[in-house]
Amino acid sequence: MARQFKPNPEILKRIASVFYERGSASKTSLQLASRLRWDLSVRYLEWLLSNNYIMHLPTGNIRSYVLTQAGIEMFQKLLAFFDSMK
């Protein structure tokens, strides 16, 4: 039986910061922000894509991603949760 991927909220928070600072993000910038090995950062990217939190933005040679409305809402809830924990 395959193990279901359960993202770590702290890592999602680091990924969210990239989108809020830049608006869009490449795989590399998401990997650096997440501070994960490449293979694990790709799992986060796949999870975000499969849940329609991000989408591919066709911009030349570099594959960039942007938040969808669902992604904006999810990250806002996540960040509000972290703010309430302070």
C-alpha atoms as a PDB file:
ATOM      1  CA  MET A   1       0.000   0.000   0.000  1.00  0.00           C
ATOM      2  CA  ALA A   2       1.374   3.409  -0.984  1.00  0.00           C
ATOM      3  CA  ARG A   3       1.918   5.887   1.799  1.00  0.00           C
ATOM      4  CA  GLN A   4      -0.108   9.051   1.418  1.00  0.00           C
ATOM      5  CA  PHE A   5       1.952  12.246   1.285  1.00  0.00           C
ATOM      6  CA  LYS A   6       1.322  14.545   4.250  1.00  0.00           C
ATOM      7  CA  PRO A   7       3.037  17.914   3.869  1.00  0.00           C
ATOM      8  CA  ASN A   8       4.683  19.594   6.829  1.00  0.00           C
ATOM      9  CA  PRO A   9       2.986  22.951   7.600  1.00  0.00           C
ATOM     10  CA  GLU A  10       6.329  24.598   8.410  1.00  0.00           C
ATOM     11  CA  ILE A  11       7.683  23.684   4.973  1.00  0.00           C
ATOM     12  CA  LEU A  12       4.478  24.922   3.330  1.00  0.00           C
ATOM     13  CA  LYS A  13       4.975  28.202   5.191  1.00  0.00           C
ATOM     14  CA  ARG A  14       8.471  28.551   3.689  1.00  0.00           C
ATOM     15  CA  ILE A  15       7.098  27.804   0.227  1.00  0.00           C
ATOM     16  CA  ALA A  16       4.296  30.346   0.707  1.00  0.00           C
ATOM     17  CA  SER A  17       6.858  33.049   1.476  1.00  0.00           C
ATOM     18  CA  VAL A  18       8.359  32.615  -2.003  1.00  0.00           C
ATOM     19  CA  PHE A  19       5.011  33.186  -3.695  1.00  0.00           C
ATOM     20  CA  TYR A  20       4.191  36.194  -1.532  1.00  0.00           C
ATOM     21  CA  GLU A  21       7.617  37.770  -2.099  1.00  0.00           C
ATOM     22  CA  ARG A  22       7.912  37.082  -5.845  1.00  0.00           C
ATOM     23  CA  GLY A  23       4.441  36.320  -7.171  1.00  0.00           C
ATOM     24  CA  SER A  24       5.730  33.359  -9.158  1.00  0.00           C
ATOM     25  CA  ALA A  25       8.393  30.755  -8.475  1.00  0.00           C
ATOM     26  CA  SER A  26      10.570  28.279 -10.318  1.00  0.00           C
ATOM     27  CA  LYS A  27      11.224  24.725  -9.129  1.00  0.00           C
ATOM     28  CA  THR A  28      14.666  25.803  -7.971  1.00  0.00           C
ATOM     29  CA  SER A  29      13.453  28.766  -5.920  1.00  0.00           C
ATOM     30  CA  LEU A  30      10.811  26.545  -4.289  1.00  0.00           C
ATOM     31  CA  GLN A  31      13.428  23.915  -3.516  1.00  0.00           C
ATOM     32  CA  LEU A  32      15.763  26.462  -1.961  1.00  0.00           C
ATOM     33  CA  ALA A  33      12.956  28.004   0.095  1.00  0.00           C
ATOM     34  CA  SER A  34      11.738  24.633   1.331  1.00  0.00           C
ATOM     35  CA  ARG A  35      15.284  23.677   2.392  1.00  0.00           C
ATOM     36  CA  LEU A  36      14.619  20.108   1.305  1.00  0.00           C
ATOM     37  CA  ARG A  37      16.443  17.637  -0.870  1.00  0.00           C
ATOM     38  CA  TRP A  38      15.437  17.945  -4.507  1.00  0.00           C
ATOM     39  CA  ASP A  39      13.347  14.748  -4.515  1.00  0.00           C
ATOM     40  CA  LEU A  40      11.319  15.853  -1.490  1.00  0.00           C
ATOM     41  CA  SER A  41      10.794  19.352  -2.855  1.00  0.00           C
ATOM     42  CA  VAL A  42       9.437  17.783  -6.061  1.00  0.00           C
ATOM     43  CA  ARG A  43       6.925  15.830  -3.941  1.00  0.00           C
ATOM     44  CA  TYR A  44       5.704  19.123  -2.442  1.00  0.00           C
ATOM     45  CA  LEU A  45       5.438  20.623  -5.910  1.00  0.00           C
ATOM     46  CA  GLU A  46       3.463  17.608  -7.147  1.00  0.00           C
ATOM     47  CA  TRP A  47       1.188  17.794  -4.081  1.00  0.00           C
ATOM     48  CA  LEU A  48       0.549  21.507  -4.635  1.00  0.00           C
ATOM     49  CA  LEU A  49      -0.215  20.876  -8.323  1.00  0.00           C
ATOM     50  CA  SER A  50      -2.467  17.861  -7.715  1.00  0.00           C
ATOM     51  CA  ASN A  51      -4.508  19.831  -5.168  1.00  0.00           C
ATOM     52  CA  ASN A  52      -4.798  22.806  -7.537  1.00  0.00           C
ATOM     53  CA  TYR A  53      -2.955  25.157  -5.175  1.00  0.00           C
ATOM     54  CA  ILE A  54      -0.504  26.180  -7.886  1.00  0.00           C
ATOM     55  CA  MET A  55      -0.462  26.104 -11.661  1.00  0.00           C
ATOM     56  CA  HIS A  56       2.178  26.231 -14.359  1.00  0.00           C
ATOM     57  CA  LEU A  57       2.804  29.666 -15.811  1.00  0.00           C
ATOM     58  CA  PRO A  58       4.136  29.469 -19.376  1.00  0.00           C
ATOM     59  CA  THR A  59       7.016  31.951 -19.422  1.00  0.00           C
ATOM     60  CA  GLY A  60       9.793  31.167 -21.856  1.00  0.00           C
ATOM     61  CA  ASN A  61      12.368  28.513 -21.013  1.00  0.00           C
ATOM     62  CA  ILE A  62      11.970  28.555 -17.236  1.00  0.00           C
ATOM     63  CA  ARG A  63       8.938  26.719 -15.873  1.00  0.00           C
ATOM     64  CA  SER A  64       7.340  28.995 -13.314  1.00  0.00           C
ATOM     65  CA  TYR A  65       4.409  28.429 -11.018  1.00  0.00           C
ATOM     66  CA  VAL A  66       1.824  30.793  -9.553  1.00  0.00           C
ATOM     67  CA  LEU A  67      -0.784  30.384  -6.851  1.00  0.00           C
ATOM     68  CA  THR A  68      -4.344  29.609  -7.835  1.00  0.00           C
ATOM     69  CA  GLN A  69      -7.245  31.105  -5.889  1.00  0.00           C
ATOM     70  CA  ALA A  70      -7.413  27.877  -3.874  1.00  0.00           C
ATOM     71  CA  GLY A  71      -3.688  28.172  -3.161  1.00  0.00           C
ATOM     72  CA  ILE A  72      -4.023  31.755  -2.004  1.00  0.00           C
ATOM     73  CA  GLU A  73      -6.827  30.761   0.356  1.00  0.00           C
ATOM     74  CA  MET A  74      -4.941  27.728   1.690  1.00  0.00           C
ATOM     75  CA  PHE A  75      -1.757  29.701   2.330  1.00  0.00           C
ATOM     76  CA  GLN A  76      -3.709  32.555   3.972  1.00  0.00           C
ATOM     77  CA  LYS A  77      -5.312  30.062   6.375  1.00  0.00           C
ATOM     78  CA  LEU A  78      -1.954  28.445   7.045  1.00  0.00           C
ATOM     79  CA  LEU A  79      -0.256  31.773   7.747  1.00  0.00           C
ATOM     80  CA  ALA A  80      -3.167  32.891   9.953  1.00  0.00           C
ATOM     81  CA  PHE A  81      -2.727  29.671  11.937  1.00  0.00           C
ATOM     82  CA  PHE A  82       0.972  30.368  12.439  1.00  0.00           C
ATOM     83  CA  ASP A  83       0.211  33.973  13.443  1.00  0.00           C
ATOM     84  CA  SER A  84      -2.263  32.746  16.061  1.00  0.00           C
ATOM     85  CA  MET A  85       0.437  30.528  17.558  1.00  0.00           C
ATOM     86  CA  LYS A  86       2.744  33.456  18.361  1.00  0.00           C
END
